[in-house]
Amino acid sequence: MKLNRKLTALQAQDAEIRIYEEKIHHLADQMISIDLDDGVKKNYAIFQDVLAKIK
Protein backbone atom coordinates (compact mmCIF):
# COMPACT_ATOMS: atom_id res chain seq x y z
CA MET A 1 0.00 0.00 0.00
CA LYS A 2 2.80 2.40 0.92
CA LEU A 3 4.63 1.63 -2.32
CA ASN A 4 1.47 2.26 -4.35
CA ARG A 5 1.12 5.73 -2.81
CA LYS A 6 4.78 6.45 -3.51
CA LEU A 7 4.39 5.23 -7.11
CA THR A 8 1.31 7.41 -7.60
CA ALA A 9 3.16 10.44 -6.23
CA LEU A 10 6.14 9.80 -8.50
CA GLN A 11 3.90 9.41 -11.54
CA ALA A 12 2.20 12.72 -10.76
CA GLN A 13 5.60 14.41 -10.39
CA ASP A 14 6.76 12.91 -13.68
CA ALA A 15 3.70 14.27 -15.48
CA GLU A 16 4.24 17.72 -13.97
CA ILE A 17 7.91 17.72 -14.98
CA ARG A 18 7.05 16.73 -18.56
CA ILE A 19 4.54 19.58 -18.89
CA TYR A 20 7.05 22.06 -17.44
CA GLU A 21 9.78 20.80 -19.77
CA GLU A 22 7.52 21.37 -22.79
CA LYS A 23 6.97 24.99 -21.71
CA ILE A 24 10.69 25.57 -21.18
CA HIS A 25 11.53 23.93 -24.51
CA HIS A 26 9.03 26.16 -26.31
CA LEU A 27 10.59 29.29 -24.78
CA ALA A 28 14.11 28.10 -25.56
CA ASP A 29 13.17 27.50 -29.20
CA GLN A 30 12.01 31.11 -29.47
CA MET A 31 15.49 32.32 -28.46
CA ILE A 32 14.02 35.36 -26.71
CA SER A 33 16.56 38.00 -25.85
CA ILE A 34 16.14 39.80 -22.56
CA ASP A 35 17.71 42.90 -21.12
CA LEU A 36 18.25 42.75 -17.38
CA ASP A 37 18.13 46.54 -17.29
CA ASP A 38 14.44 46.39 -18.32
CA GLY A 39 13.56 45.31 -14.81
CA VAL A 40 11.71 42.48 -13.20
CA LYS A 41 8.20 43.42 -14.31
CA LYS A 42 8.97 43.39 -18.03
CA ASN A 43 11.07 40.22 -17.91
CA TYR A 44 8.54 38.47 -15.66
CA ALA A 45 5.83 39.17 -18.24
CA ILE A 46 7.91 37.39 -20.89
CA PHE A 47 8.45 34.27 -18.77
CA GLN A 48 5.30 34.26 -16.64
CA ASP A 49 4.22 30.79 -17.81
CA VAL A 50 7.33 29.11 -16.47
CA LEU A 51 7.66 31.35 -13.42
CA ALA A 52 4.26 30.47 -12.05
CA LYS A 53 4.12 29.27 -8.47
CA ILE A 54 5.30 25.74 -8.01
CA LYS A 55 2.75 23.48 -6.36
PDB file of N, CA and C in Angstrom:
ATOM      1  N   MET A   1       0.825  -1.185   0.000  1.00  0.00           N
ATOM      2  CA  MET A   1       0.000   0.000   0.000  1.00  0.00           C
ATOM      3  C   MET A   1       0.870   1.250   0.000  1.00  0.00           C
ATOM      4  N   LYS A   2       1.897   1.245   0.825  1.00  0.00           N
ATOM      5  CA  LYS A   2       2.803   2.397   0.917  1.00  0.00           C
ATOM      6  C   LYS A   2       3.534   2.608  -0.413  1.00  0.00           C
ATOM      7  N   LEU A   3       3.938   1.527  -1.040  1.00  0.00           N
ATOM      8  CA  LEU A   3       4.626   1.628  -2.323  1.00  0.00           C
ATOM      9  C   LEU A   3       3.696   2.146  -3.417  1.00  0.00           C
ATOM     10  N   ASN A   4       2.441   1.759  -3.360  1.00  0.00           N
ATOM     11  CA  ASN A   4       1.470   2.261  -4.354  1.00  0.00           C
ATOM     12  C   ASN A   4       1.296   3.762  -4.231  1.00  0.00           C
ATOM     13  N   ARG A   5       1.229   4.282  -3.003  1.00  0.00           N
ATOM     14  CA  ARG A   5       1.116   5.730  -2.806  1.00  0.00           C
ATOM     15  C   ARG A   5       2.363   6.430  -3.319  1.00  0.00           C
ATOM     16  N   LYS A   6       3.516   5.858  -3.041  1.00  0.00           N
ATOM     17  CA  LYS A   6       4.776   6.450  -3.509  1.00  0.00           C
ATOM     18  C   LYS A   6       4.820   6.440  -5.041  1.00  0.00           C
ATOM     19  N   LEU A   7       4.410   5.342  -5.651  1.00  0.00           N
ATOM     20  CA  LEU A   7       4.389   5.233  -7.110  1.00  0.00           C
ATOM     21  C   LEU A   7       3.440   6.269  -7.718  1.00  0.00           C
ATOM     22  N   THR A   8       2.273   6.428  -7.119  1.00  0.00           N
ATOM     23  CA  THR A   8       1.307   7.411  -7.603  1.00  0.00           C
ATOM     24  C   THR A   8       1.886   8.819  -7.515  1.00  0.00           C
ATOM     25  N   ALA A   9       2.546   9.128  -6.409  1.00  0.00           N
ATOM     26  CA  ALA A   9       3.160  10.445  -6.234  1.00  0.00           C
ATOM     27  C   ALA A   9       4.251  10.672  -7.276  1.00  0.00           C
ATOM     28  N   LEU A  10       5.067   9.670  -7.516  1.00  0.00           N
ATOM     29  CA  LEU A  10       6.140   9.799  -8.498  1.00  0.00           C
ATOM     30  C   LEU A  10       5.593   9.963  -9.916  1.00  0.00           C
ATOM     31  N   GLN A  11       4.512   9.280 -10.218  1.00  0.00           N
ATOM     32  CA  GLN A  11       3.904   9.412 -11.543  1.00  0.00           C
ATOM     33  C   GLN A  11       3.329  10.814 -11.730  1.00  0.00           C
ATOM     34  N   ALA A  12       2.742  11.362 -10.686  1.00  0.00           N
ATOM     35  CA  ALA A  12       2.205  12.717 -10.761  1.00  0.00           C
ATOM     36  C   ALA A  12       3.344  13.723 -10.950  1.00  0.00           C
ATOM     37  N   GLN A  13       4.439  13.525 -10.244  1.00  0.00           N
ATOM     38  CA  GLN A  13       5.595  14.411 -10.389  1.00  0.00           C
ATOM     39  C   GLN A  13       6.176  14.305 -11.787  1.00  0.00           C
ATOM     40  N   ASP A  14       6.237  13.108 -12.329  1.00  0.00           N
ATOM     41  CA  ASP A  14       6.755  12.908 -13.679  1.00  0.00           C
ATOM     42  C   ASP A  14       5.905  13.653 -14.700  1.00  0.00           C
ATOM     43  N   ALA A  15       4.597  13.566 -14.556  1.00  0.00           N
ATOM     44  CA  ALA A  15       3.699  14.266 -15.480  1.00  0.00           C
ATOM     45  C   ALA A  15       3.895  15.777 -15.382  1.00  0.00           C
ATOM     46  N   GLU A  16       4.037  16.286 -14.167  1.00  0.00           N
ATOM     47  CA  GLU A  16       4.237  17.722 -13.972  1.00  0.00           C
ATOM     48  C   GLU A  16       5.563  18.180 -14.581  1.00  0.00           C
ATOM     49  N   ILE A  17       6.599  17.385 -14.416  1.00  0.00           N
ATOM     50  CA  ILE A  17       7.913  17.716 -14.975  1.00  0.00           C
ATOM     51  C   ILE A  17       7.861  17.734 -16.498  1.00  0.00           C
ATOM     52  N   ARG A  18       7.155  16.777 -17.087  1.00  0.00           N
ATOM     53  CA  ARG A  18       7.051  16.727 -18.557  1.00  0.00           C
ATOM     54  C   ARG A  18       6.342  17.960 -19.112  1.00  0.00           C
ATOM     55  N   ILE A  19       5.274  18.393 -18.455  1.00  0.00           N
ATOM     56  CA  ILE A  19       4.543  19.581 -18.891  1.00  0.00           C
ATOM     57  C   ILE A  19       5.438  20.814 -18.779  1.00  0.00           C
ATOM     58  N   TYR A  20       6.150  20.925 -17.662  1.00  0.00           N
ATOM     59  CA  TYR A  20       7.046  22.065 -17.444  1.00  0.00           C
ATOM     60  C   TYR A  20       8.167  22.076 -18.488  1.00  0.00           C
ATOM     61  N   GLU A  21       8.698  20.902 -18.787  1.00  0.00           N
ATOM     62  CA  GLU A  21       9.779  20.801 -19.773  1.00  0.00           C
ATOM     63  C   GLU A  21       9.312  21.260 -21.145  1.00  0.00           C
ATOM     64  N   GLU A  22       8.068  20.937 -21.497  1.00  0.00           N
ATOM     65  CA  GLU A  22       7.524  21.373 -22.786  1.00  0.00           C
ATOM     66  C   GLU A  22       7.450  22.899 -22.859  1.00  0.00           C
ATOM     67  N   LYS A  23       7.035  23.532 -21.750  1.00  0.00           N
ATOM     68  CA  LYS A  23       6.966  24.994 -21.711  1.00  0.00           C
ATOM     69  C   LYS A  23       8.355  25.610 -21.846  1.00  0.00           C
ATOM     70  N   ILE A  24       9.318  25.069 -21.125  1.00  0.00           N
ATOM     71  CA  ILE A  24      10.694  25.566 -21.176  1.00  0.00           C
ATOM     72  C   ILE A  24      11.264  25.383 -22.580  1.00  0.00           C
ATOM     73  N   HIS A  25      11.021  24.219 -23.170  1.00  0.00           N
ATOM     74  CA  HIS A  25      11.529  23.928 -24.510  1.00  0.00           C
ATOM     75  C   HIS A  25      10.949  24.920 -25.525  1.00  0.00           C
ATOM     76  N   HIS A  26       9.669  25.211 -25.398  1.00  0.00           N
ATOM     77  CA  HIS A  26       9.026  26.158 -26.308  1.00  0.00           C
ATOM     78  C   HIS A  26       9.684  27.536 -26.191  1.00  0.00           C
ATOM     79  N   LEU A  27       9.939  27.991 -24.966  1.00  0.00           N
ATOM     80  CA  LEU A  27      10.594  29.286 -24.782  1.00  0.00           C
ATOM     81  C   LEU A  27      12.022  29.274 -25.322  1.00  0.00           C
ATOM     82  N   ALA A  28      12.731  28.190 -25.086  1.00  0.00           N
ATOM     83  CA  ALA A  28      14.109  28.101 -25.561  1.00  0.00           C
ATOM     84  C   ALA A  28      14.164  28.133 -27.085  1.00  0.00           C
ATOM     85  N   ASP A  29      13.205  27.497 -27.729  1.00  0.00           N
ATOM     86  CA  ASP A  29      13.168  27.497 -29.195  1.00  0.00           C
ATOM     87  C   ASP A  29      12.940  28.902 -29.770  1.00  0.00           C
ATOM     88  N   GLN A  30      12.264  29.754 -29.001  1.00  0.00           N
ATOM     89  CA  GLN A  30      12.005  31.114 -29.473  1.00  0.00           C
ATOM     90  C   GLN A  30      13.252  31.989 -29.406  1.00  0.00           C
ATOM     91  N   MET A  31      14.226  31.581 -28.623  1.00  0.00           N
ATOM     92  CA  MET A  31      15.486  32.320 -28.457  1.00  0.00           C
ATOM     93  C   MET A  31      15.213  33.798 -28.143  1.00  0.00           C
ATOM     94  N   ILE A  32      14.414  34.020 -27.135  1.00  0.00           N
ATOM     95  CA  ILE A  32      14.018  35.363 -26.714  1.00  0.00           C
ATOM     96  C   ILE A  32      15.211  36.049 -26.056  1.00  0.00           C
ATOM     97  N   SER A  33      15.491  37.251 -26.508  1.00  0.00           N
ATOM     98  CA  SER A  33      16.559  37.998 -25.850  1.00  0.00           C
ATOM     99  C   SER A  33      15.939  38.867 -24.766  1.00  0.00           C
ATOM    100  N   ILE A  34      16.641  38.968 -23.653  1.00  0.00           N
ATOM    101  CA  ILE A  34      16.144  39.798 -22.561  1.00  0.00           C
ATOM    102  C   ILE A  34      17.231  40.788 -22.173  1.00  0.00           C
ATOM    103  N   ASP A  35      16.788  41.884 -21.618  1.00  0.00           N
ATOM    104  CA  ASP A  35      17.708  42.899 -21.124  1.00  0.00           C
ATOM    105  C   ASP A  35      17.455  43.034 -19.632  1.00  0.00           C
ATOM    106  N   LEU A  36      18.425  42.698 -18.831  1.00  0.00           N
ATOM    107  CA  LEU A  36      18.253  42.751 -17.382  1.00  0.00           C
ATOM    108  C   LEU A  36      17.995  44.169 -16.893  1.00  0.00           C
ATOM    109  N   ASP A  37      18.380  45.151 -17.667  1.00  0.00           N
ATOM    110  CA  ASP A  37      18.129  46.536 -17.286  1.00  0.00           C
ATOM    111  C   ASP A  37      16.659  46.926 -17.451  1.00  0.00           C
ATOM    112  N   ASP A  38      15.864  46.104 -18.148  1.00  0.00           N
ATOM    113  CA  ASP A  38      14.435  46.386 -18.323  1.00  0.00           C
ATOM    114  C   ASP A  38      13.668  46.228 -17.017  1.00  0.00           C
ATOM    115  N   GLY A  39      14.214  45.489 -16.105  1.00  0.00           N
ATOM    116  CA  GLY A  39      13.565  45.308 -14.814  1.00  0.00           C
ATOM    117  C   GLY A  39      12.779  44.015 -14.721  1.00  0.00           C
ATOM    118  N   VAL A  40      12.388  43.731 -13.506  1.00  0.00           N
ATOM    119  CA  VAL A  40      11.714  42.476 -13.204  1.00  0.00           C
ATOM    120  C   VAL A  40      10.339  42.403 -13.861  1.00  0.00           C
ATOM    121  N   LYS A  41       9.576  43.477 -13.797  1.00  0.00           N
ATOM    122  CA  LYS A  41       8.203  43.422 -14.310  1.00  0.00           C
ATOM    123  C   LYS A  41       8.145  43.067 -15.787  1.00  0.00           C
ATOM    124  N   LYS A  42       8.992  43.670 -16.589  1.00  0.00           N
ATOM    125  CA  LYS A  42       8.966  43.392 -18.030  1.00  0.00           C
ATOM    126  C   LYS A  42       9.453  41.969 -18.314  1.00  0.00           C
ATOM    127  N   ASN A  43      10.542  41.565 -17.669  1.00  0.00           N
ATOM    128  CA  ASN A  43      11.065  40.222 -17.906  1.00  0.00           C
ATOM    129  C   ASN A  43      10.144  39.149 -17.341  1.00  0.00           C
ATOM    130  N   TYR A  44       9.493  39.430 -16.222  1.00  0.00           N
ATOM    131  CA  TYR A  44       8.543  38.470 -15.661  1.00  0.00           C
ATOM    132  C   TYR A  44       7.394  38.238 -16.633  1.00  0.00           C
ATOM    133  N   ALA A  45       6.936  39.296 -17.284  1.00  0.00           N
ATOM    134  CA  ALA A  45       5.833  39.169 -18.239  1.00  0.00           C
ATOM    135  C   ALA A  45       6.204  38.236 -19.390  1.00  0.00           C
ATOM    136  N   ILE A  46       7.449  38.255 -19.793  1.00  0.00           N
ATOM    137  CA  ILE A  46       7.911  37.391 -20.891  1.00  0.00           C
ATOM    138  C   ILE A  46       7.880  35.920 -20.473  1.00  0.00           C
ATOM    139  N   PHE A  47       8.276  35.645 -19.233  1.00  0.00           N
ATOM    140  CA  PHE A  47       8.448  34.266 -18.766  1.00  0.00           C
ATOM    141  C   PHE A  47       7.413  33.846 -17.734  1.00  0.00           C
ATOM    142  N   GLN A  48       6.268  34.519 -17.696  1.00  0.00           N
ATOM    143  CA  GLN A  48       5.305  34.257 -16.639  1.00  0.00           C
ATOM    144  C   GLN A  48       4.778  32.814 -16.628  1.00  0.00           C
ATOM    145  N   ASP A  49       4.718  32.160 -17.783  1.00  0.00           N
ATOM    146  CA  ASP A  49       4.219  30.786 -17.815  1.00  0.00           C
ATOM    147  C   ASP A  49       5.125  29.818 -17.060  1.00  0.00           C
ATOM    148  N   VAL A  50       6.410  30.032 -17.140  1.00  0.00           N
ATOM    149  CA  VAL A  50       7.326  29.108 -16.475  1.00  0.00           C
ATOM    150  C   VAL A  50       7.730  29.595 -15.088  1.00  0.00           C
ATOM    151  N   LEU A  51       7.343  30.824 -14.743  1.00  0.00           N
ATOM    152  CA  LEU A  51       7.662  31.351 -13.425  1.00  0.00           C
ATOM    153  C   LEU A  51       6.469  31.290 -12.484  1.00  0.00           C
ATOM    154  N   ALA A  52       5.439  30.609 -12.895  1.00  0.00           N
ATOM    155  CA  ALA A  52       4.259  30.475 -12.050  1.00  0.00           C
ATOM    156  C   ALA A  52       4.632  29.739 -10.764  1.00  0.00           C
ATOM    157  N   LYS A  53       3.835  29.928  -9.743  1.00  0.00           N
ATOM    158  CA  LYS A  53       4.123  29.275  -8.474  1.00  0.00           C
ATOM    159  C   LYS A  53       4.177  27.776  -8.638  1.00  0.00           C
ATOM    160  N   ILE A  54       5.152  27.198  -8.003  1.00  0.00           N
ATOM    161  CA  ILE A  54       5.298  25.738  -8.013  1.00  0.00           C
ATOM    162  C   ILE A  54       4.378  25.172  -6.946  1.00  0.00           C
ATOM    163  N   LYS A  55       3.695  24.109  -7.297  1.00  0.00           N
ATOM    164  CA  LYS A  55       2.745  23.485  -6.359  1.00  0.00           C
ATOM    165  C   LYS A  55       3.462  22.838  -5.198  1.00  0.00           C
TER     166      LYS A  55
END
